Amino acid sequence: MNQTIGRFISSWRSTFLACGPNFSLPKQRNVLLYPNLRNTSFFNKLSAEDIWRGVTAVSNAGKKRGRGKGSGKKVAKDLNKGQTIGFGKNSRLWPGLNSAVIRGNELVLSQKLVENEDRENGIMKLRDSMGGFRLMKLNPIDRGWSGSKMPGRSIGPPDTIGEEEFVSFDTRVLENKIVFIMKGNMGRKRRFSVLSVTGNGNGLAGFATVKAPEVRTALRKSKNRAGQKLINVGLCENRTIYHDFQTNFGKTKIYCFQKPDGYGLVCHRAIQTICKVIGIKDLYAKIEGSTNLQHIVKAFFIGLMSQRSYQNISNETNLNIVQQQKAKNRCTEVKGMPHNNSTLANNNQVVDYMNFTLGNKIVLKKQGIQPFYFFTKGHNLHQIKAERFRNQAKVRLHKLINCYV
């Protein structure tokens, strides 16, 4: 580089000597010793929006596969936020700018004001709070099954139909997913499928599945359609089912068992949500086979509609229905008695109430895998020593509940 500049200067010097001693360059002409530089690039040729789009863009194929969902969000800060004309770092009174020129009969002069130390901190807080996307904080009771997602959340009662108002109803979303359908003229079309259940907490409930192009539309149509398909479910003591039952839909099998007061809902989260909407407080349910959400909902409602009251079972079997509860210290309570005009019972009839309601079907209980040390000598000695302490916790609890001092 230095050799090139030296040759360039020597060539110009020889030119000056050849032109004579009186030769001079024009004053407006400058001699460039360096080659021209490029002053243009994509940074100053393109706009800020085009550059931002090039950095955060995702291809069409990537968008279809769900990539780049969080890209494209620009956080813009308004630097004029919190600024007031005439008031800066140096607090000063400027007549005509931030104050009046004449105050009463006196002319206002420029003067120094008291410095505000918190001014910069206040402006920074205002700028930091701008453009930040924050999710609305939900009450823990209003949250769904998993965080802020829709399944399990309440979307309110159905809309009013004429003069019919659903004041005491509550609608819960059970499923919210994206589905696609292939159209001949539009190609692959995306829609949102919403499954929701609504109920008044007193034995009246309904469910519906709706598809729509937008989420809000699907949610609204789903709860309104669920309100149009209400089913009356019989409740025993306004808290549980009448009897144990087995129900199925497709590859899904559900075994439901009646439980005493205070037991709670020990079941699948979808069944738990349905029970809360209907008004069932004590239930145990076991699912076998497929856990497809729509099949679970349909199978459970089929089982609830197939329930029979104690009186109907008593009339059908021509037997008395008697209940003994462990919580009431085996106290016998008559639940149903047959009418005089009922038909006689068959000799081959099943007398066991549980087998009768379940249709001679029982839950499959898989045997647990025994640990490797189960048949060792040390484990046998441990079982012999722990024999006298077996069921001690259950006996203590039984004494606390049923014994009186």
Protein backbone atom coordinates (compact mmCIF):
# COMPACT_ATOMS: atom_id res chain seq x y z
CA MET A 1 0.00 0.00 0.00
CA ASN A 2 2.82 2.45 0.92
CA GLN A 3 4.67 1.66 -2.35
CA THR A 4 1.52 2.42 -4.37
CA ILE A 5 1.07 5.81 -2.62
CA GLY A 6 4.79 6.64 -3.23
CA ARG A 7 4.50 5.93 -6.97
CA PHE A 8 1.30 8.02 -7.09
CA ILE A 9 3.02 11.06 -5.45
CA SER A 10 6.18 10.79 -7.62
CA SER A 11 4.07 10.71 -10.82
CA TRP A 12 2.27 13.90 -9.78
CA ARG A 13 5.60 15.58 -8.88
CA SER A 14 7.05 14.88 -12.30
CA THR A 15 3.88 16.33 -13.85
CA PHE A 16 4.30 19.57 -11.86
CA LEU A 17 7.95 19.93 -12.97
CA ALA A 18 7.01 19.37 -16.60
CA CYS A 19 4.36 22.11 -16.50
CA GLY A 20 6.77 24.73 -15.19
CA PRO A 21 7.26 26.69 -11.97
CA ASN A 22 4.11 28.84 -12.40
CA PHE A 23 1.73 25.87 -12.62
CA SER A 24 -0.86 25.51 -9.80
CA LEU A 25 -3.96 23.37 -9.21
CA PRO A 26 -7.37 24.96 -8.89
CA LYS A 27 -8.31 25.78 -5.32
CA GLN A 28 -11.57 23.76 -5.38
CA ARG A 29 -9.80 20.62 -6.61
CA ASN A 30 -8.53 18.13 -4.03
CA VAL A 31 -5.96 15.45 -4.62
CA LEU A 32 -7.11 12.01 -3.36
CA LEU A 33 -4.35 9.77 -2.11
CA TYR A 34 -6.73 6.84 -1.27
CA PRO A 35 -9.11 4.91 -3.55
CA ASN A 36 -12.89 5.51 -3.31
CA LEU A 37 -14.82 3.75 -0.46
CA ARG A 38 -18.33 2.26 -0.62
CA ASN A 39 -20.71 4.29 1.52
CA THR A 40 -23.79 2.13 0.87
CA SER A 41 -24.79 -1.21 2.33
CA PHE A 42 -28.02 -3.03 3.21
CA PHE A 43 -27.95 -1.20 6.56
CA ASN A 44 -28.60 2.23 4.99
CA LYS A 45 -30.38 1.03 1.83
CA LEU A 46 -33.15 -0.97 3.59
CA SER A 47 -35.64 0.29 6.13
CA ALA A 48 -35.61 -0.82 9.75
CA GLU A 49 -38.73 -2.95 9.22
CA ASP A 50 -37.11 -4.86 6.32
CA ILE A 51 -33.94 -5.51 8.33
CA TRP A 52 -35.97 -6.66 11.34
CA ARG A 53 -38.05 -8.95 9.14
CA GLY A 54 -34.92 -10.47 7.63
CA VAL A 55 -33.51 -11.28 11.06
CA THR A 56 -36.67 -12.77 12.57
CA ALA A 57 -38.41 -14.19 9.49
CA VAL A 58 -39.46 -17.83 9.22
CA SER A 59 -40.09 -19.63 5.93
CA ASN A 60 -43.59 -20.68 4.93
CA ALA A 61 -42.68 -24.32 5.50
CA GLY A 62 -41.45 -23.44 8.98
CA LYS A 63 -44.67 -21.59 9.80
CA LYS A 64 -46.74 -24.62 8.84
CA ARG A 65 -44.70 -26.76 11.20
CA GLY A 66 -45.19 -24.37 14.09
CA ARG A 67 -41.76 -22.73 14.11
CA GLY A 68 -41.23 -19.05 14.81
CA LYS A 69 -44.30 -18.53 16.99
CA GLY A 70 -42.51 -16.06 19.24
CA SER A 71 -40.70 -14.15 16.48
CA GLY A 72 -41.75 -10.87 14.97
CA LYS A 73 -42.61 -9.20 18.27
CA LYS A 74 -41.02 -5.76 18.26
CA VAL A 75 -40.64 -3.97 21.55
CA ALA A 76 -40.75 -0.26 20.72
CA LYS A 77 -40.04 2.34 23.36
CA ASP A 78 -41.36 5.87 23.14
CA LEU A 79 -38.43 8.01 24.27
CA ASN A 80 -40.75 11.02 24.60
CA LYS A 81 -42.72 9.24 27.31
CA GLY A 82 -42.37 11.12 30.59
CA GLN A 83 -40.67 14.12 28.93
CA THR A 84 -42.18 17.60 29.27
CA ILE A 85 -41.23 20.51 27.04
CA GLY A 86 -39.13 22.99 28.98
CA PHE A 87 -38.18 20.60 31.79
CA GLY A 88 -34.91 18.71 31.46
CA LYS A 89 -31.99 17.57 33.56
CA ASN A 90 -31.24 21.16 34.56
CA SER A 91 -34.43 22.37 36.22
CA ARG A 92 -34.89 25.94 35.10
CA LEU A 93 -37.75 28.36 34.64
CA TRP A 94 -38.04 29.60 31.06
CA PRO A 95 -40.62 32.40 30.51
CA GLY A 96 -42.75 31.67 27.47
CA LEU A 97 -41.73 27.99 27.39
CA ASN A 98 -42.61 26.38 30.70
CA SER A 99 -44.10 29.37 32.48
CA ALA A 100 -45.99 32.54 31.78
CA VAL A 101 -44.08 35.64 30.62
CA ILE A 102 -45.99 38.01 32.88
CA ARG A 103 -47.33 37.02 36.28
CA GLY A 104 -49.67 39.71 37.51
CA ASN A 105 -47.92 43.05 36.92
CA GLU A 106 -44.41 41.59 37.12
CA LEU A 107 -42.23 40.26 34.33
CA VAL A 108 -41.08 36.68 34.97
CA LEU A 109 -37.32 36.19 34.69
CA SER A 110 -35.39 33.01 33.98
CA GLN A 111 -34.26 31.38 37.18
CA LYS A 112 -32.89 28.10 38.56
CA LEU A 113 -35.37 25.63 40.14
CA VAL A 114 -34.88 22.90 42.73
CA GLU A 115 -33.48 19.74 41.15
CA ASN A 116 -35.70 16.66 41.08
CA GLU A 117 -33.46 13.67 41.83
CA ASP A 118 -36.15 11.05 41.06
CA ARG A 119 -36.90 12.41 37.60
CA GLU A 120 -34.54 10.07 35.68
CA ASN A 121 -35.64 7.01 37.66
CA GLY A 122 -39.30 7.80 36.97
CA ILE A 123 -38.68 8.15 33.23
CA MET A 124 -36.74 4.85 33.10
CA LYS A 125 -39.57 3.03 34.89
CA LEU A 126 -42.09 4.40 32.41
CA ARG A 127 -39.96 3.26 29.45
CA ASP A 128 -39.36 -0.21 30.88
CA SER A 129 -43.08 -0.74 31.45
CA MET A 130 -43.85 0.03 27.80
CA GLY A 131 -44.15 -2.69 25.22
CA GLY A 132 -43.77 -5.54 27.66
CA PHE A 133 -46.32 -8.31 27.04
CA ARG A 134 -47.55 -9.69 30.35
CA LEU A 135 -50.03 -12.50 30.77
CA MET A 136 -53.04 -11.69 32.86
CA LYS A 137 -52.53 -13.12 36.33
CA LEU A 138 -55.22 -15.63 37.17
CA ASN A 139 -56.60 -16.60 40.52
CA PRO A 140 -55.43 -20.13 41.44
CA ILE A 141 -59.08 -21.23 41.57
CA ASP A 142 -59.66 -20.00 38.00
CA ARG A 143 -56.61 -21.71 36.52
CA GLY A 144 -56.97 -24.73 34.28
CA TRP A 145 -55.41 -28.16 34.45
CA SER A 146 -51.99 -26.90 33.38
CA GLY A 147 -51.10 -23.25 33.94
CA SER A 148 -52.81 -20.69 31.75
CA LYS A 149 -54.10 -23.14 29.10
CA MET A 150 -57.81 -23.31 28.40
CA PRO A 151 -58.69 -26.94 29.39
CA GLY A 152 -60.16 -26.89 32.87
CA ARG A 153 -60.90 -23.15 32.91
CA SER A 154 -64.30 -21.54 33.31
CA ILE A 155 -65.80 -19.51 30.44
CA GLY A 156 -68.97 -18.44 32.26
CA PRO A 157 -72.61 -19.41 31.77
CA PRO A 158 -74.22 -19.86 28.33
CA ASP A 159 -75.73 -16.81 26.67
CA THR A 160 -79.34 -15.92 27.32
CA ILE A 161 -81.85 -17.55 24.95
CA GLY A 162 -84.99 -15.43 24.76
CA GLU A 163 -86.24 -15.11 28.33
CA GLU A 164 -84.25 -18.15 29.52
CA GLU A 165 -81.22 -17.15 31.60
CA PHE A 166 -78.47 -19.50 32.77
CA VAL A 167 -77.61 -17.64 35.95
CA SER A 168 -76.57 -20.59 38.12
CA PHE A 169 -74.66 -22.39 35.35
CA ASP A 170 -70.90 -22.67 34.96
CA THR A 171 -69.12 -23.85 31.80
CA ARG A 172 -65.73 -25.58 31.84
CA VAL A 173 -63.50 -26.26 28.83
CA LEU A 174 -62.41 -29.90 28.58
CA GLU A 175 -60.52 -29.83 25.28
CA ASN A 176 -59.16 -27.09 23.05
CA LYS A 177 -57.13 -28.20 20.03
CA ILE A 178 -56.34 -27.26 16.43
CA VAL A 179 -57.72 -29.47 13.66
CA PHE A 180 -57.24 -29.30 9.89
CA ILE A 181 -59.52 -30.08 6.97
CA MET A 182 -58.52 -30.26 3.30
CA LYS A 183 -60.67 -28.15 0.94
CA GLY A 184 -60.66 -28.39 -2.82
CA ASN A 185 -60.49 -24.63 -3.39
CA MET A 186 -58.73 -23.42 -0.22
CA GLY A 187 -56.32 -26.28 0.52
CA ARG A 188 -55.53 -27.11 4.12
CA LYS A 189 -57.89 -25.13 6.34
CA ARG A 190 -57.25 -24.69 10.06
CA ARG A 191 -60.00 -24.74 12.66
CA PHE A 192 -60.26 -24.84 16.46
CA SER A 193 -62.14 -27.68 18.15
CA VAL A 194 -63.52 -27.01 21.64
CA LEU A 195 -65.21 -29.54 23.94
CA SER A 196 -66.93 -28.00 26.96
CA VAL A 197 -69.39 -29.04 29.66
CA THR A 198 -71.90 -26.82 31.46
CA GLY A 199 -74.02 -27.44 34.54
CA ASN A 200 -75.82 -25.81 37.45
CA GLY A 201 -74.25 -27.93 40.22
CA ASN A 202 -77.60 -29.52 41.02
CA GLY A 203 -77.88 -32.47 38.63
CA LEU A 204 -78.38 -30.61 35.34
CA ALA A 205 -75.55 -30.67 32.80
CA GLY A 206 -74.71 -30.91 29.11
CA PHE A 207 -71.69 -31.07 26.84
CA ALA A 208 -70.93 -30.21 23.22
CA THR A 209 -68.07 -30.21 20.70
CA VAL A 210 -67.83 -27.28 18.27
CA LYS A 211 -65.37 -26.31 15.52
CA ALA A 212 -64.80 -22.73 14.33
CA PRO A 213 -62.08 -20.73 12.51
CA GLU A 214 -61.41 -18.57 15.61
CA VAL A 215 -60.87 -19.59 19.24
CA ARG A 216 -63.31 -17.08 20.72
CA THR A 217 -66.04 -18.12 18.31
CA ALA A 218 -65.49 -21.80 19.10
CA LEU A 219 -65.61 -21.16 22.87
CA ARG A 220 -68.82 -19.12 22.62
CA LYS A 221 -70.60 -21.60 20.33
CA SER A 222 -69.47 -24.54 22.46
CA LYS A 223 -70.93 -23.24 25.71
CA ASN A 224 -74.17 -22.15 24.01
CA ARG A 225 -74.62 -25.52 22.34
CA ALA A 226 -73.87 -27.32 25.62
CA GLY A 227 -76.65 -25.26 27.21
CA GLN A 228 -79.07 -26.52 24.54
CA LYS A 229 -78.26 -30.20 25.28
CA LEU A 230 -78.92 -30.43 29.01
CA ILE A 231 -79.32 -33.82 30.73
CA ASN A 232 -80.94 -34.42 34.11
CA VAL A 233 -78.65 -36.58 36.28
CA GLY A 234 -80.00 -38.20 39.44
CA LEU A 235 -77.93 -37.56 42.59
CA CYS A 236 -77.93 -39.66 45.74
CA GLU A 237 -78.08 -37.42 48.83
CA ASN A 238 -77.19 -34.51 46.50
CA ARG A 239 -73.51 -35.50 46.60
CA THR A 240 -72.78 -38.86 44.86
CA ILE A 241 -74.11 -41.45 42.39
CA TYR A 242 -76.89 -43.92 43.25
CA HIS A 243 -74.83 -47.07 42.80
CA ASP A 244 -71.62 -48.46 41.29
CA PHE A 245 -71.75 -48.82 37.52
CA GLN A 246 -69.60 -49.79 34.57
CA THR A 247 -69.80 -47.91 31.28
CA ASN A 248 -67.88 -47.89 28.03
CA PHE A 249 -67.60 -46.00 24.76
CA GLY A 250 -65.33 -47.25 22.01
CA LYS A 251 -62.15 -48.62 23.59
CA THR A 252 -62.72 -46.73 26.85
CA LYS A 253 -64.10 -48.48 29.96
CA ILE A 254 -64.96 -46.61 33.16
CA TYR A 255 -65.78 -48.17 36.53
CA CYS A 256 -67.47 -45.74 38.94
CA PHE A 257 -67.96 -46.44 42.64
CA GLN A 258 -70.17 -44.72 45.19
CA LYS A 259 -68.24 -43.33 48.16
CA PRO A 260 -69.22 -41.98 51.61
CA ASP A 261 -69.47 -38.32 52.53
CA GLY A 262 -66.10 -36.56 52.65
CA TYR A 263 -64.28 -39.01 50.36
CA GLY A 264 -63.85 -36.48 47.54
CA LEU A 265 -63.29 -36.98 43.82
CA VAL A 266 -60.56 -39.53 43.06
CA CYS A 267 -60.73 -39.88 39.28
CA HIS A 268 -59.50 -38.57 35.94
CA ARG A 269 -59.30 -34.77 35.73
CA ALA A 270 -61.96 -34.64 33.00
CA ILE A 271 -64.37 -36.71 35.15
CA GLN A 272 -63.45 -34.52 38.12
CA THR A 273 -64.40 -31.37 36.21
CA ILE A 274 -67.68 -32.91 35.02
CA CYS A 275 -68.56 -33.96 38.58
CA LYS A 276 -67.95 -30.45 39.92
CA VAL A 277 -70.21 -28.99 37.23
CA ILE A 278 -72.97 -31.55 37.89
CA GLY A 279 -72.72 -31.42 41.69
CA ILE A 280 -71.13 -34.81 42.49
CA LYS A 281 -68.78 -34.47 45.46
CA ASP A 282 -67.78 -38.06 46.37
CA LEU A 283 -66.75 -40.55 43.69
CA TYR A 284 -64.04 -43.00 42.72
CA ALA A 285 -63.57 -43.80 39.03
CA LYS A 286 -61.12 -46.12 37.28
CA ILE A 287 -60.47 -45.94 33.54
CA GLU A 288 -59.34 -48.93 31.49
CA GLY A 289 -58.29 -48.83 27.87
CA SER A 290 -58.15 -45.66 25.81
CA THR A 291 -57.95 -42.27 27.53
CA ASN A 292 -59.37 -40.33 24.57
CA LEU A 293 -60.95 -37.27 26.15
CA GLN A 294 -64.13 -37.26 24.06
CA HIS A 295 -64.65 -40.99 24.69
CA ILE A 296 -64.21 -40.46 28.46
CA VAL A 297 -66.84 -37.71 28.50
CA LYS A 298 -69.34 -39.67 26.43
CA ALA A 299 -68.83 -42.89 28.40
CA PHE A 300 -69.27 -41.10 31.73
CA PHE A 301 -72.51 -39.40 30.66
CA ILE A 302 -73.84 -42.72 29.33
CA GLY A 303 -73.15 -44.27 32.73
CA LEU A 304 -74.83 -41.40 34.59
CA MET A 305 -77.95 -41.68 32.43
CA SER A 306 -78.10 -45.47 32.95
CA GLN A 307 -78.37 -45.11 36.74
CA ARG A 308 -81.38 -46.53 38.56
CA SER A 309 -82.79 -45.36 41.86
CA TYR A 310 -82.98 -47.64 44.89
CA GLN A 311 -86.72 -47.98 44.49
CA ASN A 312 -86.45 -49.04 40.84
CA ILE A 313 -83.84 -51.68 41.69
CA SER A 314 -85.98 -52.92 44.58
CA ASN A 315 -89.05 -53.21 42.35
CA GLU A 316 -87.01 -54.98 39.66
CA THR A 317 -85.45 -57.55 42.01
CA ASN A 318 -88.36 -57.76 44.50
CA LEU A 319 -85.75 -57.47 47.29
CA ASN A 320 -85.08 -54.93 50.02
CA ILE A 321 -82.08 -52.66 49.47
CA VAL A 322 -80.12 -52.37 52.74
CA GLN A 323 -76.93 -50.38 53.21
CA GLN A 324 -74.23 -50.77 55.87
CA GLN A 325 -71.65 -48.03 56.03
CA LYS A 326 -68.29 -48.40 57.76
CA ALA A 327 -68.31 -44.69 58.58
CA LYS A 328 -71.53 -45.21 60.61
CA ASN A 329 -70.13 -48.27 62.46
CA ARG A 330 -72.04 -50.75 60.25
CA CYS A 331 -75.38 -49.15 61.03
CA THR A 332 -78.06 -50.68 58.79
CA GLU A 333 -80.21 -48.34 56.71
CA VAL A 334 -83.06 -49.40 54.41
CA LYS A 335 -82.80 -47.65 51.04
CA GLY A 336 -85.65 -49.30 49.09
CA MET A 337 -88.54 -51.70 49.55
CA PRO A 338 -90.51 -53.41 46.74
CA HIS A 339 -94.15 -52.53 46.15
CA ASN A 340 -96.85 -55.13 46.71
CA ASN A 341 -97.70 -55.34 43.04
CA SER A 342 -94.11 -55.99 41.94
CA THR A 343 -93.24 -59.24 40.13
CA LEU A 344 -91.57 -62.14 41.94
CA ALA A 345 -87.82 -62.45 41.69
CA ASN A 346 -86.20 -65.19 39.63
CA ASN A 347 -84.31 -67.97 41.37
CA ASN A 348 -81.20 -67.36 39.23
CA GLN A 349 -81.01 -63.69 40.18
CA VAL A 350 -77.79 -62.25 41.55
CA VAL A 351 -78.25 -61.19 45.16
CA ASP A 352 -74.96 -59.30 45.49
CA TYR A 353 -75.82 -55.63 44.99
CA MET A 354 -72.39 -54.66 43.65
CA ASN A 355 -72.32 -57.44 41.06
CA PHE A 356 -75.89 -56.61 40.07
CA THR A 357 -75.16 -52.92 39.38
CA LEU A 358 -71.81 -53.60 37.67
CA GLY A 359 -73.31 -56.34 35.48
CA ASN A 360 -71.08 -59.10 36.92
CA LYS A 361 -67.98 -57.15 35.90
CA ILE A 362 -65.10 -56.19 38.16
CA VAL A 363 -62.08 -53.92 37.82
CA LEU A 364 -58.93 -55.58 36.57
CA LYS A 365 -56.36 -55.39 39.38
CA LYS A 366 -52.90 -56.04 38.03
CA GLN A 367 -50.49 -57.82 40.32
CA GLY A 368 -47.49 -55.77 41.31
CA ILE A 369 -43.99 -56.90 40.48
CA GLN A 370 -42.34 -58.32 43.58
CA PRO A 371 -38.96 -56.80 44.46
CA PHE A 372 -35.75 -58.78 44.09
CA TYR A 373 -35.33 -59.18 47.87
CA PHE A 374 -38.82 -60.58 48.47
CA PHE A 375 -37.74 -64.24 48.84
CA THR A 376 -34.49 -63.59 50.67
CA LYS A 377 -33.84 -64.74 54.21
CA GLY A 378 -33.41 -61.22 55.55
CA HIS A 379 -36.82 -60.11 54.22
CA ASN A 380 -38.52 -63.14 55.82
CA LEU A 381 -36.97 -62.22 59.18
CA HIS A 382 -38.19 -58.62 58.74
CA GLN A 383 -41.76 -59.80 58.06
CA ILE A 384 -41.69 -62.00 61.19
CA LYS A 385 -40.54 -59.08 63.37
CA ALA A 386 -43.08 -56.67 61.85
CA GLU A 387 -46.00 -59.12 62.15
CA ARG A 388 -47.22 -57.76 65.51
CA PHE A 389 -47.31 -54.17 64.18
CA ARG A 390 -49.40 -55.05 61.09
CA ASN A 391 -52.52 -52.87 60.53
CA GLN A 392 -51.70 -50.90 63.67
CA ALA A 393 -52.42 -47.55 62.00
CA LYS A 394 -55.83 -48.73 60.75
CA VAL A 395 -56.77 -50.08 64.20
CA ARG A 396 -55.80 -46.79 65.85
CA LEU A 397 -57.90 -44.83 63.35
CA HIS A 398 -60.85 -47.19 63.88
CA LYS A 399 -60.66 -46.66 67.66
CA LEU A 400 -60.55 -42.89 67.25
CA ILE A 401 -63.65 -42.89 65.05
CA ASN A 402 -65.90 -45.60 66.52
CA CYS A 403 -64.88 -45.93 70.18
CA TYR A 404 -66.08 -43.64 72.93
CA VAL A 405 -64.18 -42.97 76.13
